[in-house]
Amino acid sequence: MDAASAPEPFSTVIRTASHAQHTEAEGSTFMSALLGGELGVAAYRRYTEQLWFVYRALEEAADTLAGDPVAGPFIRPELARTAPLERDLAFLGGPDWRTGLQPLPATAAYAARVAECARQWPAGYVAHHYTRYLGDLSGGQIIRGTAEKTWGFARKGDGVRFYVFDGIDNPAAFKREYRALLDALPVDDLEKQRVIDECKQAFALNTAVFRELGEVFGTDGPGRLSA
């Protein structure tokens, strides 16, 4: 088979197929307002709290899935975000930051779907793993820079540690390795299509969280802030 007729790598297929959903999530009015400096630190804290619920669902399953032939290769300790999130939340909300903490309904639905995939469908878990962690290594760095500039957080310090991957010296090389794992995903074409569909769903779940955050902070609906 020559290069021209070789199938597209699955990492390329999944990125292309989910592009519209990815763009919609990135273009939410809440995120636009947050990155545009139109919202206060309370909005950033509330967003960080929602992330904690999602990553707890992702990472509570890590030990169970570590030996799974499909999901196991993606379980990398240097990606783990729960501990940095908790350090950020302690900085943003004090030592009692957990008191009264509740997920938004969209966040609860998102975390529940991640947990369901972790229990029942490892390839679906990979879809959620991909949309979260590769996003953190890429666009997440824009959020970090904005937070440091807007609210005066120390560079790569408390408040933005979620976005700092101390265990990854070369993010570009790491992302190439991760995409190679996607390309080698040991499932058939039908299952790959299901993974693509779940990836789209993951972005939609994320967009729903942004929408509800936008309702809380006035960036969605009548009289919303300009995006």
Protein backbone atom coordinates (compact mmCIF):
# COMPACT_ATOMS: atom_id res chain seq x y z
CA MET A 1 0.00 0.00 0.00
CA ASP A 2 1.50 3.35 -0.96
CA ALA A 3 1.39 6.43 1.26
CA ALA A 4 -1.40 8.03 -0.74
CA SER A 5 -3.74 5.10 -0.11
CA ALA A 6 -2.77 4.49 3.54
CA PRO A 7 -5.62 5.04 5.99
CA GLU A 8 -5.60 8.22 8.04
CA PRO A 9 -4.22 7.79 11.55
CA PHE A 10 -7.02 7.41 14.08
CA SER A 11 -5.71 10.39 16.05
CA THR A 12 -6.26 12.54 12.95
CA VAL A 13 -9.69 11.06 12.30
CA ILE A 14 -10.89 11.66 15.84
CA ARG A 15 -9.57 15.23 15.90
CA THR A 16 -11.18 16.07 12.56
CA ALA A 17 -14.50 14.38 13.37
CA SER A 18 -14.88 16.22 16.68
CA HIS A 19 -13.63 19.60 15.46
CA ALA A 20 -17.05 21.27 15.42
CA GLN A 21 -17.86 20.16 18.98
CA HIS A 22 -14.38 21.19 20.15
CA THR A 23 -14.77 24.63 18.59
CA GLU A 24 -18.19 25.08 20.20
CA ALA A 25 -16.77 24.28 23.64
CA GLU A 26 -13.84 26.66 23.19
CA GLY A 27 -16.12 29.43 21.93
CA SER A 28 -18.55 29.39 24.85
CA THR A 29 -19.57 32.82 26.08
CA PHE A 30 -18.42 31.95 29.61
CA MET A 31 -14.93 30.96 28.49
CA SER A 32 -14.69 33.94 26.16
CA ALA A 33 -15.61 36.25 29.03
CA LEU A 34 -13.19 34.53 31.41
CA LEU A 35 -10.29 34.73 28.96
CA GLY A 36 -11.26 38.30 28.06
CA GLY A 37 -10.85 39.48 31.63
CA GLU A 38 -14.55 40.27 31.99
CA LEU A 39 -15.10 37.98 34.98
CA GLY A 40 -13.68 38.03 38.48
CA VAL A 41 -11.69 35.43 40.33
CA ALA A 42 -14.92 33.97 41.75
CA ALA A 43 -15.83 32.72 38.27
CA TYR A 44 -12.38 31.16 37.86
CA ARG A 45 -12.74 29.47 41.25
CA ARG A 46 -16.19 28.10 40.36
CA TYR A 47 -14.84 26.76 37.07
CA THR A 48 -11.93 25.12 38.89
CA GLU A 49 -14.37 23.48 41.30
CA GLN A 50 -16.25 21.93 38.37
CA LEU A 51 -13.01 20.56 36.98
CA TRP A 52 -12.32 18.84 40.29
CA PHE A 53 -15.49 16.75 40.04
CA VAL A 54 -14.66 15.66 36.48
CA TYR A 55 -11.03 14.79 37.18
CA ARG A 56 -11.90 12.94 40.33
CA ALA A 57 -14.16 10.72 38.19
CA LEU A 58 -11.37 10.24 35.65
CA GLU A 59 -8.66 9.47 38.17
CA GLU A 60 -10.54 7.38 40.71
CA ALA A 61 -10.68 4.75 37.96
CA ALA A 62 -6.97 4.91 37.12
CA ASP A 63 -5.80 2.02 39.31
CA THR A 64 -8.62 -0.25 38.12
CA LEU A 65 -7.98 0.50 34.46
CA ALA A 66 -4.17 0.47 34.58
CA GLY A 67 -4.05 -3.16 33.46
CA ASP A 68 -6.76 -2.87 30.83
CA PRO A 69 -5.48 -3.56 27.28
CA VAL A 70 -7.46 -0.64 25.81
CA ALA A 71 -7.38 2.07 28.49
CA GLY A 72 -4.29 0.98 30.41
CA PRO A 73 -1.63 2.52 28.12
CA PHE A 74 -3.23 5.95 28.60
CA ILE A 75 -3.02 5.85 32.41
CA ARG A 76 0.09 7.93 33.02
CA PRO A 77 0.86 9.25 36.52
CA GLU A 78 2.41 12.43 35.13
CA LEU A 79 -1.01 13.44 33.83
CA ALA A 80 -2.81 13.18 37.19
CA ARG A 81 -4.59 16.45 38.00
CA THR A 82 -6.62 15.85 41.16
CA ALA A 83 -3.85 16.78 43.60
CA PRO A 84 -2.91 20.01 41.76
CA LEU A 85 -6.59 20.93 41.55
CA GLU A 86 -6.98 20.46 45.30
CA ARG A 87 -3.96 22.64 45.95
CA ASP A 88 -5.41 25.34 43.69
CA LEU A 89 -8.79 25.12 45.40
CA ALA A 90 -7.19 25.40 48.85
CA PHE A 91 -5.43 28.54 47.62
CA LEU A 92 -8.61 29.97 46.08
CA GLY A 93 -11.06 28.94 48.80
CA GLY A 94 -9.06 28.31 51.94
CA PRO A 95 -8.63 25.08 53.91
CA ASP A 96 -12.40 24.51 54.10
CA TRP A 97 -12.93 24.72 50.32
CA ARG A 98 -14.77 21.37 50.31
CA THR A 99 -17.46 22.59 52.70
CA GLY A 100 -20.77 22.81 50.90
CA LEU A 101 -19.16 22.17 47.53
CA GLN A 102 -21.69 20.86 44.99
CA PRO A 103 -21.31 20.26 41.25
CA LEU A 104 -23.52 22.08 38.82
CA PRO A 105 -26.12 19.72 37.28
CA ALA A 106 -24.16 19.62 34.00
CA THR A 107 -20.97 18.83 35.89
CA ALA A 108 -22.66 16.01 37.79
CA ALA A 109 -23.89 14.56 34.48
CA TYR A 110 -20.41 14.87 32.95
CA ALA A 111 -18.69 13.17 35.90
CA ALA A 112 -21.33 10.44 35.96
CA ARG A 113 -20.75 9.66 32.29
CA VAL A 114 -16.99 9.47 32.81
CA ALA A 115 -17.50 7.12 35.75
CA GLU A 116 -19.93 4.98 33.76
CA CYS A 117 -17.44 4.57 30.92
CA ALA A 118 -14.69 3.78 33.40
CA ARG A 119 -16.80 0.97 34.86
CA GLN A 120 -18.32 -0.45 31.70
CA TRP A 121 -16.52 0.69 28.56
CA PRO A 122 -12.74 1.30 28.60
CA ALA A 123 -12.67 2.63 25.01
CA GLY A 124 -15.29 5.21 25.95
CA TYR A 125 -13.13 6.17 28.92
CA VAL A 126 -10.27 6.77 26.46
CA ALA A 127 -12.48 9.26 24.58
CA HIS A 128 -12.95 11.30 27.76
CA HIS A 129 -9.30 10.93 28.72
CA TYR A 130 -8.25 12.27 25.31
CA THR A 131 -10.56 15.28 25.29
CA ARG A 132 -9.49 16.36 28.77
CA TYR A 133 -5.77 15.74 29.05
CA LEU A 134 -4.65 16.74 25.57
CA GLY A 135 -6.73 19.88 25.98
CA ASP A 136 -4.96 20.63 29.27
CA LEU A 137 -1.58 20.30 27.62
CA SER A 138 -2.63 22.61 24.78
CA GLY A 139 -5.36 25.20 25.25
CA GLY A 140 -5.15 24.91 29.02
CA GLN A 141 -1.91 26.85 28.90
CA ILE A 142 -3.80 29.85 27.54
CA ILE A 143 -6.08 29.75 30.57
CA ARG A 144 -3.05 29.57 32.87
CA GLY A 145 -1.45 32.62 31.29
CA THR A 146 -4.69 34.58 31.48
CA ALA A 147 -5.21 33.68 35.15
CA GLU A 148 -1.66 34.73 36.04
CA LYS A 149 -2.06 38.04 34.27
CA THR A 150 -5.63 38.85 35.30
CA TRP A 151 -5.57 37.86 38.97
CA GLY A 152 -1.89 38.14 39.74
CA PHE A 153 -1.17 34.50 40.46
CA ALA A 154 2.48 33.53 40.61
CA ARG A 155 3.73 32.04 37.36
CA LYS A 156 3.00 28.29 37.50
CA GLY A 157 2.20 28.71 41.19
CA ASP A 158 -0.77 28.23 43.48
CA GLY A 159 -4.03 28.93 41.69
CA VAL A 160 -2.80 27.59 38.35
CA ARG A 161 -1.01 24.38 39.33
CA PHE A 162 -3.68 22.38 37.53
CA TYR A 163 -2.17 23.60 34.26
CA VAL A 164 1.43 22.80 35.23
CA PHE A 165 2.69 19.34 34.27
CA ASP A 166 5.94 19.05 36.19
CA GLY A 167 6.42 15.44 35.11
CA ILE A 168 6.31 16.23 31.37
CA ASP A 169 9.52 17.85 30.16
CA ASN A 170 8.52 18.01 26.51
CA PRO A 171 4.74 18.49 26.02
CA ALA A 172 5.01 18.35 22.22
CA ALA A 173 6.78 14.99 22.32
CA PHE A 174 4.34 13.70 24.93
CA LYS A 175 1.38 14.64 22.74
CA ARG A 176 2.97 12.83 19.79
CA GLU A 177 3.35 9.71 21.93
CA TYR A 178 -0.24 10.02 23.11
CA ARG A 179 -1.53 10.30 19.54
CA ALA A 180 0.52 7.23 18.63
CA LEU A 181 -1.34 5.35 21.37
CA LEU A 182 -4.63 6.47 19.83
CA ASP A 183 -3.44 5.32 16.42
CA ALA A 184 -2.67 1.89 17.91
CA LEU A 185 -5.94 1.59 19.87
CA PRO A 186 -6.66 -2.18 19.82
CA VAL A 187 -10.29 -2.01 18.70
CA ASP A 188 -12.09 -2.56 15.38
CA ASP A 189 -13.50 0.11 13.09
CA LEU A 190 -16.99 -0.08 14.56
CA GLU A 191 -15.62 0.50 18.04
CA LYS A 192 -13.48 3.37 16.77
CA GLN A 193 -16.63 5.05 15.46
CA ARG A 194 -18.20 4.64 18.89
CA VAL A 195 -15.10 6.27 20.41
CA ILE A 196 -15.45 9.19 17.99
CA ASP A 197 -19.09 9.58 18.96
CA GLU A 198 -18.17 9.52 22.65
CA CYS A 199 -15.50 12.13 22.04
CA LYS A 200 -18.15 14.39 20.52
CA GLN A 201 -20.34 13.71 23.53
CA ALA A 202 -17.49 14.60 25.87
CA PHE A 203 -17.14 18.00 24.24
CA ALA A 204 -20.91 18.47 24.42
CA LEU A 205 -20.88 17.66 28.13
CA ASN A 206 -18.10 20.18 28.63
CA THR A 207 -20.06 22.79 26.68
CA ALA A 208 -23.06 22.19 28.94
CA VAL A 209 -20.90 22.96 31.98
CA PHE A 210 -19.78 26.21 30.36
CA ARG A 211 -23.40 27.06 29.59
CA GLU A 212 -24.45 26.61 33.20
CA LEU A 213 -21.45 28.59 34.42
CA GLY A 214 -22.50 31.27 31.97
CA GLU A 215 -25.97 31.32 33.50
CA VAL A 216 -24.48 31.69 36.98
CA PHE A 217 -22.16 34.54 36.00
CA GLY A 218 -24.40 36.31 33.50
CA THR A 219 -22.58 35.54 30.26
CA ASP A 220 -25.48 33.57 28.73
CA GLY A 221 -28.99 34.73 28.04
CA PRO A 222 -30.50 38.24 27.98
CA GLY A 223 -28.09 40.98 28.87
CA ARG A 224 -25.09 38.70 28.70
CA LEU A 225 -21.59 40.08 28.64
CA SER A 226 -20.04 40.53 25.22
CA ALA A 227 -17.95 37.53 24.28
